[in-house]
Structures are given as structure tokens and as C-alpha cells.
C-alpha atoms as a PDB file:
ATOM      1  CA  UNK A   1       0.155 -14.487  -9.120  1.00  0.00           C
ATOM      2  CA  UNK A   2      -3.328 -15.676  -8.373  1.00  0.00           C
ATOM      3  CA  UNK A   3      -6.571 -14.170  -9.606  1.00  0.00           C
ATOM      4  CA  UNK A   4      -7.233 -12.158  -6.417  1.00  0.00           C
ATOM      5  CA  UNK A   5      -3.884 -10.367  -6.634  1.00  0.00           C
ATOM      6  CA  UNK A   6      -4.449  -9.636 -10.305  1.00  0.00           C
ATOM      7  CA  UNK A   7      -7.928  -8.257  -9.606  1.00  0.00           C
ATOM      8  CA  UNK A   8      -6.631  -6.089  -6.746  1.00  0.00           C
ATOM      9  CA  UNK A   9      -3.857  -4.696  -8.937  1.00  0.00           C
ATOM     10  CA  UNK A  10      -6.121  -3.991 -11.914  1.00  0.00           C
ATOM     11  CA  UNK A  11      -8.791  -2.412  -9.724  1.00  0.00           C
ATOM     12  CA  UNK A  12      -6.289  -0.120  -8.045  1.00  0.00           C
ATOM     13  CA  UNK A  13      -4.736   0.889 -11.360  1.00  0.00           C
ATOM     14  CA  UNK A  14      -8.127   1.613 -12.955  1.00  0.00           C
ATOM     15  CA  UNK A  15      -9.162   3.775 -10.004  1.00  0.00           C
ATOM     16  CA  UNK A  16      -5.811   5.600 -10.083  1.00  0.00           C
ATOM     17  CA  UNK A  17      -6.110   6.316 -13.807  1.00  0.00           C
ATOM     18  CA  UNK A  18      -9.657   7.612 -13.277  1.00  0.00           C
ATOM     19  CA  UNK A  19      -8.624   9.934 -10.425  1.00  0.00           C
ATOM     20  CA  UNK A  20      -5.594  11.265 -12.302  1.00  0.00           C
ATOM     21  CA  UNK A  21      -7.748  11.840 -15.388  1.00  0.00           C
ATOM     22  CA  UNK A  22     -10.306  13.676 -13.279  1.00  0.00           C
ATOM     23  CA  UNK A  23      -7.641  15.974 -11.853  1.00  0.00           C
ATOM     24  CA  UNK A  24      -6.205  16.591 -15.325  1.00  0.00           C
ATOM     25  CA  UNK A  25      -9.618  17.434 -16.755  1.00  0.00           C
ATOM     26  CA  UNK A  26     -10.323  19.921 -13.981  1.00  0.00           C
ATOM     27  CA  UNK A  27      -6.919  21.545 -14.493  1.00  0.00           C
ATOM     28  CA  UNK A  28      -7.632  22.177 -18.194  1.00  0.00           C
ATOM     29  CA  UNK A  29     -10.740  24.245 -17.449  1.00  0.00           C
ATOM     30  CA  UNK A  30     -10.237  27.990 -17.799  1.00  0.00           C
ATOM     31  CA  UNK A  31     -12.989  28.757 -15.307  1.00  0.00           C
ATOM     32  CA  UNK A  32     -11.297  26.901 -12.463  1.00  0.00           C
ATOM     33  CA  UNK A  33      -8.188  28.459 -10.934  1.00  0.00           C
ATOM     34  CA  UNK A  34      -5.373  26.808  -9.031  1.00  0.00           C
ATOM     35  CA  UNK A  35      -6.840  27.864  -5.688  1.00  0.00           C
ATOM     36  CA  UNK A  36     -10.071  26.093  -6.589  1.00  0.00           C
ATOM     37  CA  UNK A  37      -8.374  22.859  -7.663  1.00  0.00           C
ATOM     38  CA  UNK A  38      -5.854  22.625  -4.806  1.00  0.00           C
ATOM     39  CA  UNK A  39      -8.261  20.885  -2.367  1.00  0.00           C
ATOM     40  CA  UNK A  40      -9.110  18.388  -5.119  1.00  0.00           C
ATOM     41  CA  UNK A  41      -5.406  17.646  -5.614  1.00  0.00           C
ATOM     42  CA  UNK A  42      -5.017  17.070  -1.875  1.00  0.00           C
ATOM     43  CA  UNK A  43      -8.025  14.728  -1.699  1.00  0.00           C
ATOM     44  CA  UNK A  44      -7.033  12.794  -4.827  1.00  0.00           C
ATOM     45  CA  UNK A  45      -3.421  12.512  -3.658  1.00  0.00           C
ATOM     46  CA  UNK A  46      -4.563  11.213  -0.290  1.00  0.00           C
ATOM     47  CA  UNK A  47      -6.893   8.703  -1.942  1.00  0.00           C
ATOM     48  CA  UNK A  48      -4.116   7.452  -4.246  1.00  0.00           C
ATOM     49  CA  UNK A  49      -1.691   7.016  -1.345  1.00  0.00           C
ATOM     50  CA  UNK A  50      -4.318   5.149   0.675  1.00  0.00           C
ATOM     51  CA  UNK A  51      -5.124   2.846  -2.256  1.00  0.00           C
ATOM     52  CA  UNK A  52      -1.490   1.945  -2.908  1.00  0.00           C
ATOM     53  CA  UNK A  53      -0.796   1.411   0.803  1.00  0.00           C
ATOM     54  CA  UNK A  54      -3.811  -0.915   0.954  1.00  0.00           C
ATOM     55  CA  UNK A  55      -2.541  -2.799  -2.118  1.00  0.00           C
ATOM     56  CA  UNK A  56       0.911  -3.182  -0.570  1.00  0.00           C
ATOM     57  CA  UNK A  57      -0.654  -4.404   2.677  1.00  0.00           C
ATOM     58  CA  UNK A  58      -2.744  -6.912   0.745  1.00  0.00           C
ATOM     59  CA  UNK A  59       0.349  -8.240  -1.019  1.00  0.00           C
ATOM     60  CA  UNK A  60       2.297  -8.436   2.248  1.00  0.00           C
ATOM     61  CA  UNK A  61      -0.516 -10.364   3.945  1.00  0.00           C
ATOM     62  CA  UNK A  62      -0.840 -12.840   1.065  1.00  0.00           C
ATOM     63  CA  UNK A  63       2.832 -13.541   0.287  1.00  0.00           C
ATOM     64  CA  UNK A  64       2.572 -17.270   0.800  1.00  0.00           C
ATOM     65  CA  UNK A  65      -0.394 -17.770  -1.489  1.00  0.00           C
END
């Protein structure tokens, strides 16, 4: 695994941990109900899927390297 693949993997994982932590923090608040947090879950879920699809595409494009 070269340095670019390692950097792409670590960057994606750090961003995923941040987004999941953000969603968890918002869920713990007593002032925010489920109806308020649902759009955030949808946006964060979409962002996570897009990031992992992009990572998979990057790995597929750079198999030979």
C-alpha cells in the first residue's frame, strides 16, 4: 500500500469518525428531538456513503500501483 492510499484511507476514516461523533453528540441533547435530528442523520448518512464510494473508486482506479 503506497502513501496515497494510506492517506486516503486515514482521511476518510477521520472524517467518518467526526461525522458519527457529531450525530451522537446531537442525539444526547435533551433539547433536540428525533424529528429535529432526522435531517442531520440523512445528510450525514449520505455524506458517509459518498465518501466510502469515492474511496472504493480510488482503490479500483489505482489497483496496479
